[in-house]
Amino acid sequence: MTTNHLRRFVLGVAACVLLAKAHAEPEIIAQARAFIGAEAALSAVRSLRFVGTLVTANPVDASKQTRASVEIVFQKPAQQRITITYEKALEQTALDDYEAWQRQQDLSDASKWRQSLLSIDQVKRLRANTFENLAFFRGLEQQGARIEDQGPVAIEGVACQKIAFIHAPNITFTRYFELATGRLRLTETEAGGSIREEGEMSVNAVRFPEKIITLTPIANGKSQTVTITFEKITVNETFPAAFFAVPALSHR
């Protein structure tokens, strides 16, 4: 091998090493997964069902609240259904692979309902959300997405690692993991919202939050606070295809 050939070979190997490092999973991901559960337990998750209570605070007067029951279901590879039941109405939003729909139903009158298919952007967001809830921080590259390590930061005085989970330019979940434990401390969205988790429930040797608090910016500099408190979490139920499929328009 000539000197020039050797030099090109060494430079090529170096470039491959640098490329591998650039795409290497940040160390905090393994730590974050370990905090939630063992690899075998996380890999075994095929579906999740959350049942609880949803409380929406009035952005003008936080003492005024709207309460509803909520059921959230995720199933691999890309199915999701959320059912929110208010006192007088039911609202469902669902994803079935590359189709998504929303339906509102008046509970006092079966003839009063509205149903619509969601846009491509909404489908993409639901697919990202479903993946995020079932993947436990790993495997984005298989979805054409990527992880970006944005370095150490302090959140409320706690040392954290900032990691962006980028599904698309307009679909990003930025998460802050405690360096000492790997625990997820805060999630931010590209739209300026924030998601915090409180409490803990263990199901099938996997840790889940007992409460999720979402803060979403709205008009006039105010924010909408939605709190979901889980009463039951089920792992690996099997849901039929019809559970997520677009309902027939004649359905009442």
Protein backbone atom coordinates (compact mmCIF):
# COMPACT_ATOMS: atom_id res chain seq x y z
CA MET A 1 0.00 0.00 0.00
CA THR A 2 1.50 3.36 -0.99
CA THR A 3 1.82 6.29 1.40
CA ASN A 4 -1.03 8.11 -0.33
CA HIS A 5 -3.27 5.04 -0.20
CA LEU A 6 -2.44 4.57 3.49
CA ARG A 7 -3.22 8.23 4.22
CA ARG A 8 -6.60 7.98 2.47
CA PHE A 9 -7.37 4.76 4.32
CA VAL A 10 -6.57 6.30 7.71
CA LEU A 11 -8.60 9.42 6.94
CA GLY A 12 -11.52 7.27 5.78
CA VAL A 13 -11.47 5.25 9.00
CA ALA A 14 -11.28 8.46 11.05
CA ALA A 15 -14.27 9.89 9.16
CA CYS A 16 -16.26 6.72 9.84
CA VAL A 17 -15.41 6.88 13.54
CA LEU A 18 -16.46 10.53 13.76
CA LEU A 19 -19.70 9.78 11.92
CA ALA A 20 -20.45 6.91 14.27
CA LYS A 21 -19.82 9.14 17.27
CA ALA A 22 -22.08 11.83 15.82
CA HIS A 23 -24.92 9.32 15.58
CA ALA A 24 -24.13 7.48 18.81
CA GLU A 25 -26.88 7.37 21.40
CA PRO A 26 -26.25 9.81 24.28
CA GLU A 27 -25.28 7.96 27.46
CA ILE A 28 -28.17 9.54 29.36
CA ILE A 29 -30.68 7.56 27.24
CA ALA A 30 -29.57 4.23 28.67
CA GLN A 31 -29.67 5.76 32.15
CA ALA A 32 -33.17 7.15 31.57
CA ARG A 33 -34.43 3.78 30.34
CA ALA A 34 -32.87 2.01 33.32
CA PHE A 35 -34.67 4.40 35.65
CA ILE A 36 -38.01 3.39 34.09
CA GLY A 37 -37.37 -0.35 33.98
CA ALA A 38 -35.11 -3.18 32.88
CA GLU A 39 -34.47 -3.60 29.15
CA ALA A 40 -36.49 -6.81 29.02
CA ALA A 41 -39.51 -5.10 30.60
CA LEU A 42 -39.35 -2.10 28.27
CA SER A 43 -38.85 -4.21 25.15
CA ALA A 44 -41.87 -6.34 26.08
CA VAL A 45 -44.30 -3.40 26.03
CA ARG A 46 -46.68 -3.72 23.06
CA SER A 47 -49.58 -1.59 24.28
CA LEU A 48 -50.49 0.81 27.07
CA ARG A 49 -53.88 1.79 28.46
CA PHE A 50 -54.25 4.71 30.86
CA VAL A 51 -57.50 5.47 32.67
CA GLY A 52 -57.94 8.52 34.85
CA THR A 53 -59.32 11.99 35.40
CA LEU A 54 -58.60 15.05 33.29
CA VAL A 55 -58.87 18.53 34.83
CA THR A 56 -58.66 21.66 32.67
CA ALA A 57 -58.10 24.92 34.54
CA ASN A 58 -59.67 28.16 33.32
CA PRO A 59 -56.71 30.30 32.10
CA VAL A 60 -58.32 33.44 33.54
CA ASP A 61 -59.45 31.96 36.86
CA ALA A 62 -57.53 28.81 37.88
CA SER A 63 -60.11 28.05 40.58
CA LYS A 64 -62.63 27.30 37.83
CA GLN A 65 -62.06 23.82 36.44
CA THR A 66 -63.61 21.43 33.97
CA ARG A 67 -63.40 17.74 34.90
CA ALA A 68 -63.72 14.70 32.67
CA SER A 69 -62.83 11.04 32.62
CA VAL A 70 -60.13 10.01 30.18
CA GLU A 71 -58.90 6.82 28.56
CA ILE A 72 -55.69 6.82 26.51
CA VAL A 73 -54.58 3.76 24.52
CA PHE A 74 -51.35 3.25 22.57
CA GLN A 75 -50.59 0.10 20.59
CA LYS A 76 -47.59 -0.78 18.43
CA PRO A 77 -46.69 0.02 15.80
CA ALA A 78 -48.80 3.17 15.31
CA GLN A 79 -52.23 3.12 16.89
CA GLN A 80 -53.67 5.51 19.46
CA ARG A 81 -57.10 6.39 20.80
CA ILE A 82 -58.02 9.02 23.37
CA THR A 83 -61.56 9.14 24.76
CA ILE A 84 -62.59 12.08 26.95
CA THR A 85 -66.00 11.93 28.57
CA TYR A 86 -67.44 15.19 29.90
CA GLU A 87 -70.76 15.57 31.70
CA LYS A 88 -72.67 16.16 28.48
CA ALA A 89 -70.32 15.22 25.66
CA LEU A 90 -67.83 12.62 24.50
CA GLU A 91 -64.76 13.41 22.41
CA GLN A 92 -62.57 10.82 20.69
CA THR A 93 -59.33 11.26 18.79
CA ALA A 94 -57.68 8.25 17.18
CA LEU A 95 -54.78 7.20 14.99
CA ASP A 96 -54.82 4.07 12.85
CA ASP A 97 -51.39 3.92 11.21
CA TYR A 98 -51.61 6.67 8.53
CA GLU A 99 -55.24 7.65 9.18
CA ALA A 100 -56.51 9.75 12.04
CA TRP A 101 -59.95 10.97 13.01
CA GLN A 102 -61.86 12.95 15.61
CA ARG A 103 -65.45 12.58 16.75
CA GLN A 104 -67.66 14.61 19.10
CA GLN A 105 -70.88 13.13 20.44
CA ASP A 106 -73.70 14.75 22.42
CA LEU A 107 -74.42 12.27 25.22
CA SER A 108 -78.01 13.44 25.60
CA ASP A 109 -78.88 13.03 21.91
CA ALA A 110 -77.39 10.24 19.78
CA SER A 111 -78.29 12.10 16.58
CA LYS A 112 -76.01 15.02 17.44
CA TRP A 113 -72.43 14.19 16.45
CA ARG A 114 -69.57 15.45 14.32
CA GLN A 115 -66.75 13.50 12.78
CA SER A 116 -63.74 14.52 10.72
CA LEU A 117 -60.50 13.14 9.35
CA LEU A 118 -57.35 14.84 10.58
CA SER A 119 -54.77 16.54 8.39
CA ILE A 120 -51.43 15.07 7.33
CA ASP A 121 -49.60 17.25 9.87
CA GLN A 122 -51.95 16.09 12.63
CA VAL A 123 -51.38 12.46 11.61
CA LYS A 124 -47.61 12.98 11.79
CA ARG A 125 -47.91 14.49 15.26
CA LEU A 126 -50.07 11.62 16.52
CA ARG A 127 -47.63 9.09 15.07
CA ALA A 128 -44.74 10.84 16.83
CA ASN A 129 -46.69 10.97 20.09
CA THR A 130 -47.57 7.28 19.86
CA PHE A 131 -43.96 6.32 19.16
CA GLU A 132 -42.70 8.45 22.05
CA ASN A 133 -45.04 6.76 24.52
CA LEU A 134 -44.11 3.23 23.46
CA ALA A 135 -40.41 3.49 22.62
CA PHE A 136 -39.04 4.81 25.95
CA PHE A 137 -36.56 7.22 24.34
CA ARG A 138 -34.92 4.79 21.89
CA GLY A 139 -35.29 3.92 18.19
CA LEU A 140 -36.10 7.27 16.59
CA GLU A 141 -33.68 6.62 13.74
CA GLN A 142 -35.89 3.74 12.60
CA GLN A 143 -38.68 6.28 12.14
CA GLY A 144 -36.58 8.67 10.09
CA ALA A 145 -36.24 10.92 13.14
CA ARG A 146 -33.18 11.79 15.19
CA ILE A 147 -31.88 12.58 18.66
CA GLU A 148 -29.78 15.66 19.34
CA ASP A 149 -27.75 16.00 22.53
CA GLN A 150 -27.88 19.68 23.48
CA GLY A 151 -25.65 19.43 26.51
CA PRO A 152 -25.88 19.83 30.28
CA VAL A 153 -28.23 22.41 31.79
CA ALA A 154 -29.69 23.17 35.21
CA ILE A 155 -33.44 22.88 35.75
CA GLU A 156 -34.55 24.44 39.03
CA GLY A 157 -31.05 23.93 40.37
CA VAL A 158 -30.83 20.27 39.33
CA ALA A 159 -28.11 19.18 36.89
CA CYS A 160 -29.74 17.73 33.75
CA GLN A 161 -28.89 16.64 30.23
CA LYS A 162 -30.94 18.33 27.48
CA ILE A 163 -31.93 15.98 24.65
CA ALA A 164 -34.07 16.92 21.63
CA PHE A 165 -36.18 14.18 20.03
CA ILE A 166 -36.73 15.58 16.54
CA HIS A 167 -39.42 13.91 14.43
CA ALA A 168 -39.76 16.84 12.03
CA PRO A 169 -38.88 20.56 12.04
CA ASN A 170 -42.31 21.25 13.57
CA ILE A 171 -42.47 18.17 15.84
CA THR A 172 -39.84 18.18 18.57
CA PHE A 173 -39.90 16.95 22.15
CA THR A 174 -37.06 18.45 24.18
CA ARG A 175 -36.44 16.51 27.37
CA TYR A 176 -34.36 17.22 30.46
CA PHE A 177 -33.02 14.17 32.29
CA GLU A 178 -31.46 14.33 35.75
CA LEU A 179 -27.77 13.46 35.44
CA ALA A 180 -27.69 11.74 38.84
CA THR A 181 -30.63 9.37 38.23
CA GLY A 182 -31.77 9.52 34.61
CA ARG A 183 -35.24 10.59 35.73
CA LEU A 184 -37.18 12.73 33.26
CA ARG A 185 -37.65 16.10 34.89
CA LEU A 186 -39.29 18.20 32.13
CA THR A 187 -40.45 17.95 28.52
CA GLU A 188 -40.88 20.96 26.24
CA THR A 189 -42.52 21.12 22.81
CA GLU A 190 -41.53 23.23 19.83
CA ALA A 191 -44.71 25.29 20.34
CA GLY A 192 -43.58 26.46 23.77
CA GLY A 193 -45.61 24.02 25.87
CA SER A 194 -44.25 22.08 28.82
CA ILE A 195 -45.03 18.68 30.35
CA ARG A 196 -44.17 17.63 33.89
CA GLU A 197 -44.64 14.27 35.56
CA GLU A 198 -45.45 13.68 39.21
CA GLY A 199 -45.81 10.61 41.39
CA GLU A 200 -45.17 7.04 40.36
CA MET A 201 -47.03 3.85 39.48
CA SER A 202 -45.32 0.53 38.69
CA VAL A 203 -46.95 -1.91 36.27
CA ASN A 204 -45.22 -4.99 34.82
CA ALA A 205 -41.95 -3.77 36.37
CA VAL A 206 -42.17 -0.48 34.43
CA ARG A 207 -42.40 2.92 36.12
CA PHE A 208 -45.11 5.31 34.96
CA PRO A 209 -46.05 8.76 36.27
CA GLU A 210 -49.16 9.03 38.40
CA LYS A 211 -49.87 12.53 37.15
CA ILE A 212 -49.06 14.53 34.01
CA ILE A 213 -49.32 18.33 34.00
CA THR A 214 -49.33 20.06 30.61
CA LEU A 215 -48.93 23.81 30.22
CA THR A 216 -49.85 25.20 26.79
CA PRO A 217 -49.45 28.86 25.79
CA ILE A 218 -52.58 30.50 24.41
CA ALA A 219 -53.56 34.04 23.40
CA ASN A 220 -52.77 37.19 25.39
CA GLY A 221 -49.74 35.69 27.13
CA LYS A 222 -51.82 33.25 29.15
CA SER A 223 -51.39 29.50 29.49
CA GLN A 224 -53.81 26.58 29.64
CA THR A 225 -53.10 23.99 32.33
CA VAL A 226 -54.36 20.44 31.90
CA THR A 227 -53.73 17.81 34.58
CA ILE A 228 -54.30 14.10 34.08
CA THR A 229 -54.27 11.87 37.15
CA PHE A 230 -54.10 8.17 36.37
CA GLU A 231 -56.13 5.69 38.38
CA LYS A 232 -55.28 2.59 36.35
CA ILE A 233 -52.55 1.64 33.90
CA THR A 234 -52.63 -1.62 31.93
CA VAL A 235 -49.75 -3.05 29.91
CA ASN A 236 -50.07 -5.37 26.91
CA GLU A 237 -53.79 -5.63 26.44
CA THR A 238 -54.66 -6.56 22.86
CA PHE A 239 -56.93 -4.11 21.05
CA PRO A 240 -58.68 -5.12 17.80
CA ALA A 241 -58.19 -3.13 14.60
CA ALA A 242 -61.77 -1.81 14.81
CA PHE A 243 -60.92 -0.06 18.07
CA PHE A 244 -58.79 2.46 16.14
CA ALA A 245 -60.42 2.39 12.70
CA VAL A 246 -62.36 5.36 11.33
CA PRO A 247 -66.02 4.87 12.36
CA ALA A 248 -68.61 4.57 9.61
CA LEU A 249 -70.38 7.87 9.11
CA SER A 250 -73.75 6.20 9.67
CA HIS A 251 -72.64 5.11 13.14
CA ARG A 252 -74.66 6.59 16.00
